[in-house]
């Protein structure tokens, strides 16, 4: 991934993942009280920047790991 996409893709991916994960974890921790949405959004606002930083760090590692696994699955090139 090159240029701006290198930063936009992890922002979108981490946003979706943080949105879904904070919803589930908030629900598991407190159930569905009247202020669920406010508590969920507070958790999301904290989680998304952290998830974005993690995605920026993890993406190159995941790409290299994926390439390594695929190379092992395909076997040696003749």
PDB file of N, CA and C in Angstrom:
ATOM      1  N   UNK A   1       0.850  -1.167   0.000  1.00  0.00           N
ATOM      2  CA  UNK A   1       0.000   0.000   0.000  1.00  0.00           C
ATOM      3  C   UNK A   1       0.901   1.236   0.000  1.00  0.00           C
ATOM      4  N   UNK A   2       0.540   2.189  -0.819  1.00  0.00           N
ATOM      5  CA  UNK A   2       1.384   3.370  -0.986  1.00  0.00           C
ATOM      6  C   UNK A   2       0.638   4.651  -0.642  1.00  0.00           C
ATOM      7  N   UNK A   3       1.386   5.691  -0.425  1.00  0.00           N
ATOM      8  CA  UNK A   3       0.843   7.033  -0.252  1.00  0.00           C
ATOM      9  C   UNK A   3      -0.177   7.148   0.864  1.00  0.00           C
ATOM     10  N   UNK A   4      -1.231   7.901   0.561  1.00  0.00           N
ATOM     11  CA  UNK A   4      -2.273   8.178   1.556  1.00  0.00           C
ATOM     12  C   UNK A   4      -3.010   6.925   1.999  1.00  0.00           C
ATOM     13  N   UNK A   5      -3.136   5.956   1.104  1.00  0.00           N
ATOM     14  CA  UNK A   5      -3.847   4.716   1.427  1.00  0.00           C
ATOM     15  C   UNK A   5      -3.205   4.004   2.612  1.00  0.00           C
ATOM     16  N   UNK A   6      -1.912   4.191   2.776  1.00  0.00           N
ATOM     17  CA  UNK A   6      -1.175   3.578   3.875  1.00  0.00           C
ATOM     18  C   UNK A   6      -1.694   4.042   5.227  1.00  0.00           C
ATOM     19  N   UNK A   7      -2.284   5.231   5.265  1.00  0.00           N
ATOM     20  CA  UNK A   7      -2.815   5.788   6.511  1.00  0.00           C
ATOM     21  C   UNK A   7      -4.339   5.711   6.585  1.00  0.00           C
ATOM     22  N   UNK A   8      -5.007   5.801   5.437  1.00  0.00           N
ATOM     23  CA  UNK A   8      -6.473   5.789   5.410  1.00  0.00           C
ATOM     24  C   UNK A   8      -7.018   4.395   5.686  1.00  0.00           C
ATOM     25  N   UNK A   9      -6.424   3.369   5.068  1.00  0.00           N
ATOM     26  CA  UNK A   9      -6.908   2.003   5.270  1.00  0.00           C
ATOM     27  C   UNK A   9      -6.897   1.605   6.741  1.00  0.00           C
ATOM     28  N   UNK A  10      -5.774   1.778   7.473  1.00  0.00           N
ATOM     29  CA  UNK A  10      -5.807   1.419   8.895  1.00  0.00           C
ATOM     30  C   UNK A  10      -6.775   2.270   9.709  1.00  0.00           C
ATOM     31  N   UNK A  11      -6.995   3.515   9.299  1.00  0.00           N
ATOM     32  CA  UNK A  11      -7.951   4.367  10.027  1.00  0.00           C
ATOM     33  C   UNK A  11      -9.360   3.793   9.898  1.00  0.00           C
ATOM     34  N   UNK A  12      -9.731   3.407   8.683  1.00  0.00           N
ATOM     35  CA  UNK A  12     -11.071   2.842   8.473  1.00  0.00           C
ATOM     36  C   UNK A  12     -11.212   1.478   9.132  1.00  0.00           C
ATOM     37  N   UNK A  13     -10.232   0.627   8.951  1.00  0.00           N
ATOM     38  CA  UNK A  13     -10.289  -0.713   9.533  1.00  0.00           C
ATOM     39  C   UNK A  13     -10.336  -0.647  11.056  1.00  0.00           C
ATOM     40  N   UNK A  14      -9.471   0.177  11.651  1.00  0.00           N
ATOM     41  CA  UNK A  14      -9.463   0.278  13.113  1.00  0.00           C
ATOM     42  C   UNK A  14     -10.747   0.911  13.627  1.00  0.00           C
ATOM     43  N   UNK A  15     -11.320   1.839  12.865  1.00  0.00           N
ATOM     44  CA  UNK A  15     -12.591   2.451  13.266  1.00  0.00           C
ATOM     45  C   UNK A  15     -13.718   1.438  13.334  1.00  0.00           C
ATOM     46  N   UNK A  16     -13.821   0.616  12.302  1.00  0.00           N
ATOM     47  CA  UNK A  16     -14.871  -0.409  12.279  1.00  0.00           C
ATOM     48  C   UNK A  16     -14.656  -1.413  13.406  1.00  0.00           C
ATOM     49  N   UNK A  17     -13.422  -1.862  13.564  1.00  0.00           N
ATOM     50  CA  UNK A  17     -13.149  -2.865  14.594  1.00  0.00           C
ATOM     51  C   UNK A  17     -13.357  -2.299  15.997  1.00  0.00           C
ATOM     52  N   UNK A  18     -12.895  -1.083  16.241  1.00  0.00           N
ATOM     53  CA  UNK A  18     -13.088  -0.465  17.559  1.00  0.00           C
ATOM     54  C   UNK A  18     -14.565  -0.249  17.839  1.00  0.00           C
ATOM     55  N   UNK A  19     -15.317   0.166  16.815  1.00  0.00           N
ATOM     56  CA  UNK A  19     -16.764   0.392  16.956  1.00  0.00           C
ATOM     57  C   UNK A  19     -17.464  -0.891  17.391  1.00  0.00           C
ATOM     58  N   UNK A  20     -17.183  -1.977  16.707  1.00  0.00           N
ATOM     59  CA  UNK A  20     -17.841  -3.251  17.028  1.00  0.00           C
ATOM     60  C   UNK A  20     -17.359  -3.828  18.354  1.00  0.00           C
ATOM     61  N   UNK A  21     -16.059  -3.808  18.583  1.00  0.00           N
ATOM     62  CA  UNK A  21     -15.521  -4.402  19.807  1.00  0.00           C
ATOM     63  C   UNK A  21     -15.955  -3.631  21.052  1.00  0.00           C
ATOM     64  N   UNK A  22     -15.958  -2.306  20.986  1.00  0.00           N
ATOM     65  CA  UNK A  22     -16.393  -1.554  22.165  1.00  0.00           C
ATOM     66  C   UNK A  22     -17.869  -1.767  22.442  1.00  0.00           C
ATOM     67  N   UNK A  23     -18.663  -1.970  21.394  1.00  0.00           N
ATOM     68  CA  UNK A  23     -20.086  -2.265  21.601  1.00  0.00           C
ATOM     69  C   UNK A  23     -20.250  -3.576  22.362  1.00  0.00           C
ATOM     70  N   UNK A  24     -19.553  -4.595  21.923  1.00  0.00           N
ATOM     71  CA  UNK A  24     -19.668  -5.914  22.548  1.00  0.00           C
ATOM     72  C   UNK A  24     -19.142  -5.886  23.985  1.00  0.00           C
ATOM     73  N   UNK A  25     -17.966  -5.312  24.182  1.00  0.00           N
ATOM     74  CA  UNK A  25     -17.373  -5.303  25.516  1.00  0.00           C
ATOM     75  C   UNK A  25     -18.190  -4.438  26.473  1.00  0.00           C
ATOM     76  N   UNK A  26     -18.690  -3.312  25.995  1.00  0.00           N
ATOM     77  CA  UNK A  26     -19.529  -2.472  26.848  1.00  0.00           C
ATOM     78  C   UNK A  26     -20.795  -3.230  27.242  1.00  0.00           C
ATOM     79  N   UNK A  27     -21.410  -3.897  26.287  1.00  0.00           N
ATOM     80  CA  UNK A  27     -22.613  -4.678  26.586  1.00  0.00           C
ATOM     81  C   UNK A  27     -22.312  -5.788  27.594  1.00  0.00           C
ATOM     82  N   UNK A  28     -21.208  -6.511  27.386  1.00  0.00           N
ATOM     83  CA  UNK A  28     -20.861  -7.599  28.304  1.00  0.00           C
ATOM     84  C   UNK A  28     -20.583  -7.085  29.718  1.00  0.00           C
ATOM     85  N   UNK A  29     -20.023  -5.890  29.819  1.00  0.00           N
ATOM     86  CA  UNK A  29     -19.680  -5.340  31.132  1.00  0.00           C
ATOM     87  C   UNK A  29     -20.864  -4.736  31.874  1.00  0.00           C
ATOM     88  N   UNK A  30     -21.758  -4.047  31.159  1.00  0.00           N
ATOM     89  CA  UNK A  30     -22.822  -3.314  31.869  1.00  0.00           C
ATOM     90  C   UNK A  30     -24.236  -3.669  31.410  1.00  0.00           C
ATOM     91  N   UNK A  31     -24.354  -4.562  30.433  1.00  0.00           N
ATOM     92  CA  UNK A  31     -25.685  -4.873  29.922  1.00  0.00           C
ATOM     93  C   UNK A  31     -26.174  -3.752  29.017  1.00  0.00           C
ATOM     94  N   UNK A  32     -27.476  -3.500  29.051  1.00  0.00           N
ATOM     95  CA  UNK A  32     -28.060  -2.493  28.167  1.00  0.00           C
ATOM     96  C   UNK A  32     -28.859  -1.469  28.981  1.00  0.00           C
ATOM     97  N   UNK A  33     -28.166  -0.665  29.824  1.00  0.00           N
ATOM     98  CA  UNK A  33     -28.874   0.348  30.608  1.00  0.00           C
ATOM     99  C   UNK A  33     -29.259   1.546  29.731  1.00  0.00           C
ATOM    100  N   UNK A  34     -29.974   2.478  30.314  1.00  0.00           N
ATOM    101  CA  UNK A  34     -30.442   3.656  29.573  1.00  0.00           C
ATOM    102  C   UNK A  34     -29.288   4.480  29.007  1.00  0.00           C
ATOM    103  N   UNK A  35     -28.155   4.521  29.692  1.00  0.00           N
ATOM    104  CA  UNK A  35     -27.021   5.316  29.220  1.00  0.00           C
ATOM    105  C   UNK A  35     -25.987   4.486  28.443  1.00  0.00           C
ATOM    106  N   UNK A  36     -26.433   3.350  27.894  1.00  0.00           N
ATOM    107  CA  UNK A  36     -25.535   2.466  27.141  1.00  0.00           C
ATOM    108  C   UNK A  36     -24.824   3.202  26.014  1.00  0.00           C
ATOM    109  N   UNK A  37     -25.559   3.957  25.222  1.00  0.00           N
ATOM    110  CA  UNK A  37     -24.974   4.636  24.070  1.00  0.00           C
ATOM    111  C   UNK A  37     -23.874   5.615  24.498  1.00  0.00           C
ATOM    112  N   UNK A  38     -24.106   6.373  25.551  1.00  0.00           N
ATOM    113  CA  UNK A  38     -23.103   7.325  26.032  1.00  0.00           C
ATOM    114  C   UNK A  38     -21.847   6.600  26.507  1.00  0.00           C
ATOM    115  N   UNK A  39     -22.022   5.515  27.240  1.00  0.00           N
ATOM    116  CA  UNK A  39     -20.866   4.757  27.737  1.00  0.00           C
ATOM    117  C   UNK A  39     -20.122   4.087  26.586  1.00  0.00           C
ATOM    118  N   UNK A  40     -20.864   3.566  25.611  1.00  0.00           N
ATOM    119  CA  UNK A  40     -20.250   2.932  24.446  1.00  0.00           C
ATOM    120  C   UNK A  40     -19.443   3.950  23.656  1.00  0.00           C
ATOM    121  N   UNK A  41     -19.999   5.125  23.411  1.00  0.00           N
ATOM    122  CA  UNK A  41     -19.293   6.139  22.636  1.00  0.00           C
ATOM    123  C   UNK A  41     -18.051   6.641  23.367  1.00  0.00           C
ATOM    124  N   UNK A  42     -18.113   6.712  24.700  1.00  0.00           N
ATOM    125  CA  UNK A  42     -16.930   7.096  25.472  1.00  0.00           C
ATOM    126  C   UNK A  42     -15.823   6.058  25.277  1.00  0.00           C
ATOM    127  N   UNK A  43     -16.190   4.792  25.348  1.00  0.00           N
ATOM    128  CA  UNK A  43     -15.217   3.720  25.134  1.00  0.00           C
ATOM    129  C   UNK A  43     -14.672   3.755  23.707  1.00  0.00           C
ATOM    130  N   UNK A  44     -15.531   4.009  22.742  1.00  0.00           N
ATOM    131  CA  UNK A  44     -15.114   4.048  21.342  1.00  0.00           C
ATOM    132  C   UNK A  44     -14.132   5.188  21.083  1.00  0.00           C
ATOM    133  N   UNK A  45     -14.416   6.363  21.625  1.00  0.00           N
ATOM    134  CA  UNK A  45     -13.550   7.528  21.420  1.00  0.00           C
ATOM    135  C   UNK A  45     -12.153   7.282  21.998  1.00  0.00           C
ATOM    136  N   UNK A  46     -12.078   6.517  23.059  1.00  0.00           N
ATOM    137  CA  UNK A  46     -10.783   6.171  23.642  1.00  0.00           C
ATOM    138  C   UNK A  46     -10.114   5.060  22.834  1.00  0.00           C
ATOM    139  N   UNK A  47     -10.891   4.082  22.410  1.00  0.00           N
ATOM    140  CA  UNK A  47     -10.330   2.899  21.750  1.00  0.00           C
ATOM    141  C   UNK A  47      -9.856   3.161  20.325  1.00  0.00           C
ATOM    142  N   UNK A  48     -10.561   4.003  19.566  1.00  0.00           N
ATOM    143  CA  UNK A  48     -10.215   4.153  18.154  1.00  0.00           C
ATOM    144  C   UNK A  48      -8.794   4.670  17.933  1.00  0.00           C
ATOM    145  N   UNK A  49      -8.368   5.729  18.592  1.00  0.00           N
ATOM    146  CA  UNK A  49      -6.981   6.168  18.358  1.00  0.00           C
ATOM    147  C   UNK A  49      -5.948   5.105  18.742  1.00  0.00           C
ATOM    148  N   UNK A  50      -6.232   4.366  19.798  1.00  0.00           N
ATOM    149  CA  UNK A  50      -5.325   3.296  20.198  1.00  0.00           C
ATOM    150  C   UNK A  50      -5.310   2.183  19.150  1.00  0.00           C
ATOM    151  N   UNK A  51      -6.483   1.846  18.633  1.00  0.00           N
ATOM    152  CA  UNK A  51      -6.578   0.818  17.596  1.00  0.00           C
ATOM    153  C   UNK A  51      -5.874   1.275  16.318  1.00  0.00           C
ATOM    154  N   UNK A  52      -5.982   2.567  16.001  1.00  0.00           N
ATOM    155  CA  UNK A  52      -5.317   3.099  14.808  1.00  0.00           C
ATOM    156  C   UNK A  52      -3.799   2.973  14.945  1.00  0.00           C
ATOM    157  N   UNK A  53      -3.266   3.346  16.082  1.00  0.00           N
ATOM    158  CA  UNK A  53      -1.823   3.210  16.312  1.00  0.00           C
ATOM    159  C   UNK A  53      -1.395   1.746  16.226  1.00  0.00           C
ATOM    160  N   UNK A  54      -2.183   0.874  16.805  1.00  0.00           N
ATOM    161  CA  UNK A  54      -1.879  -0.561  16.735  1.00  0.00           C
ATOM    162  C   UNK A  54      -1.918  -1.058  15.298  1.00  0.00           C
ATOM    163  N   UNK A  55      -2.886  -0.581  14.515  1.00  0.00           N
ATOM    164  CA  UNK A  55      -2.989  -0.996  13.114  1.00  0.00           C
ATOM    165  C   UNK A  55      -1.801  -0.498  12.303  1.00  0.00           C
ATOM    166  N   UNK A  56      -1.349   0.709  12.564  1.00  0.00           N
ATOM    167  CA  UNK A  56      -0.170   1.227  11.858  1.00  0.00           C
ATOM    168  C   UNK A  56       1.067   0.387  12.154  1.00  0.00           C
ATOM    169  N   UNK A  57       1.190  -0.043  13.398  1.00  0.00           N
ATOM    170  CA  UNK A  57       2.343  -0.857  13.785  1.00  0.00           C
ATOM    171  C   UNK A  57       2.194  -2.292  13.284  1.00  0.00           C
ATOM    172  N   UNK A  58       0.990  -2.839  13.390  1.00  0.00           N
ATOM    173  CA  UNK A  58       0.772  -4.247  13.076  1.00  0.00           C
ATOM    174  C   UNK A  58       0.680  -4.533  11.579  1.00  0.00           C
ATOM    175  N   UNK A  59       0.248  -3.572  10.783  1.00  0.00           N
ATOM    176  CA  UNK A  59       0.045  -3.829   9.353  1.00  0.00           C
ATOM    177  C   UNK A  59       1.290  -4.345   8.639  1.00  0.00           C
ATOM    178  N   UNK A  60       2.439  -3.687   8.785  1.00  0.00           N
ATOM    179  CA  UNK A  60       3.628  -4.224   8.110  1.00  0.00           C
ATOM    180  C   UNK A  60       4.009  -5.617   8.603  1.00  0.00           C
ATOM    181  N   UNK A  61       3.850  -5.839   9.903  1.00  0.00           N
ATOM    182  CA  UNK A  61       4.149  -7.165  10.451  1.00  0.00           C
ATOM    183  C   UNK A  61       3.193  -8.208   9.899  1.00  0.00           C
ATOM    184  N   UNK A  62       1.920  -7.862   9.811  1.00  0.00           N
ATOM    185  CA  UNK A  62       0.921  -8.785   9.283  1.00  0.00           C
ATOM    186  C   UNK A  62       1.171  -9.081   7.803  1.00  0.00           C
ATOM    187  N   UNK A  63       1.572  -8.061   7.035  1.00  0.00           N
ATOM    188  CA  UNK A  63       1.887  -8.284   5.613  1.00  0.00           C
ATOM    189  C   UNK A  63       3.056  -9.251   5.463  1.00  0.00           C
ATOM    190  N   UNK A  64       4.121  -9.006   6.236  1.00  0.00           N
ATOM    191  CA  UNK A  64       5.286  -9.897   6.166  1.00  0.00           C
ATOM    192  C   UNK A  64       4.935 -11.303   6.632  1.00  0.00           C
ATOM    193  N   UNK A  65       4.157 -11.401   7.700  1.00  0.00           N
ATOM    194  CA  UNK A  65       3.740 -12.718   8.190  1.00  0.00           C
ATOM    195  C   UNK A  65       2.882 -13.452   7.179  1.00  0.00           C
ATOM    196  N   UNK A  66       1.985 -12.717   6.527  1.00  0.00           N
ATOM    197  CA  UNK A  66       1.137 -13.322   5.496  1.00  0.00           C
ATOM    198  C   UNK A  66       1.989 -13.822   4.335  1.00  0.00           C
ATOM    199  N   UNK A  67       2.938 -13.007   3.885  1.00  0.00           N
ATOM    200  CA  UNK A  67       3.811 -13.404   2.777  1.00  0.00           C
ATOM    201  C   UNK A  67       4.614 -14.649   3.150  1.00  0.00           C
ATOM    202  N   UNK A  68       5.097 -14.692   4.390  1.00  0.00           N
ATOM    203  CA  UNK A  68       5.869 -15.846   4.845  1.00  0.00           C
ATOM    204  C   UNK A  68       5.010 -17.112   4.856  1.00  0.00           C
ATOM    205  N   UNK A  69       3.782 -17.008   5.393  1.00  0.00           N
ATOM    206  CA  UNK A  69       2.875 -18.163   5.451  1.00  0.00           C
ATOM    207  C   UNK A  69       2.528 -18.645   4.049  1.00  0.00           C
ATOM    208  N   UNK A  70       2.209 -17.721   3.149  1.00  0.00           N
ATOM    209  CA  UNK A  70       1.871 -18.102   1.774  1.00  0.00           C
ATOM    210  C   UNK A  70       3.062 -18.777   1.101  1.00  0.00           C
ATOM    211  N   UNK A  71       4.266 -18.242   1.318  1.00  0.00           N
ATOM    212  CA  UNK A  71       5.461 -18.857   0.739  1.00  0.00           C
ATOM    213  C   UNK A  71       5.651 -20.284   1.251  1.00  0.00           C
ATOM    214  N   UNK A  72       5.402 -20.488   2.547  1.00  0.00           N
ATOM    215  CA  UNK A  72       5.531 -21.841   3.123  1.00  0.00           C
ATOM    216  C   UNK A  72       4.450 -22.769   2.563  1.00  0.00           C
ATOM    217  N   UNK A  73       3.247 -22.238   2.375  1.00  0.00           N
ATOM    218  CA  UNK A  73       2.148 -23.063   1.841  1.00  0.00           C
ATOM    219  C   UNK A  73       2.389 -23.432   0.382  1.00  0.00           C
ATOM    220  N   UNK A  74       2.966 -22.509  -0.383  1.00  0.00           N
ATOM    221  CA  UNK A  74       3.210 -22.762  -1.812  1.00  0.00           C
ATOM    222  C   UNK A  74       4.415 -23.637  -2.048  1.00  0.00           C
ATOM    223  N   UNK A  75       5.316 -23.718  -1.079  1.00  0.00           N
ATOM    224  CA  UNK A  75       6.508 -24.527  -1.227  1.00  0.00           C
ATOM    225  C   UNK A  75       7.571 -23.831  -2.054  1.00  0.00           C
ATOM    226  N   UNK A  76       8.688 -24.499  -2.253  1.00  0.00           N
ATOM    227  CA  UNK A  76       9.781 -23.884  -2.995  1.00  0.00           C
ATOM    228  C   UNK A  76       9.426 -23.685  -4.469  1.00  0.00           C
ATOM    229  N   UNK A  77       9.942 -22.599  -5.019  1.00  0.00           N
ATOM    230  CA  UNK A  77       9.741 -22.308  -6.439  1.00  0.00           C
ATOM    231  C   UNK A  77      10.836 -23.004  -7.248  1.00  0.00           C
ATOM    232  N   UNK A  78      10.408 -23.642  -8.321  1.00  0.00           N
ATOM    233  CA  UNK A  78      11.389 -24.370  -9.170  1.00  0.00           C
ATOM    234  C   UNK A  78      11.564 -23.631 -10.485  1.00  0.00           C
TER     235      UNK A  78
END
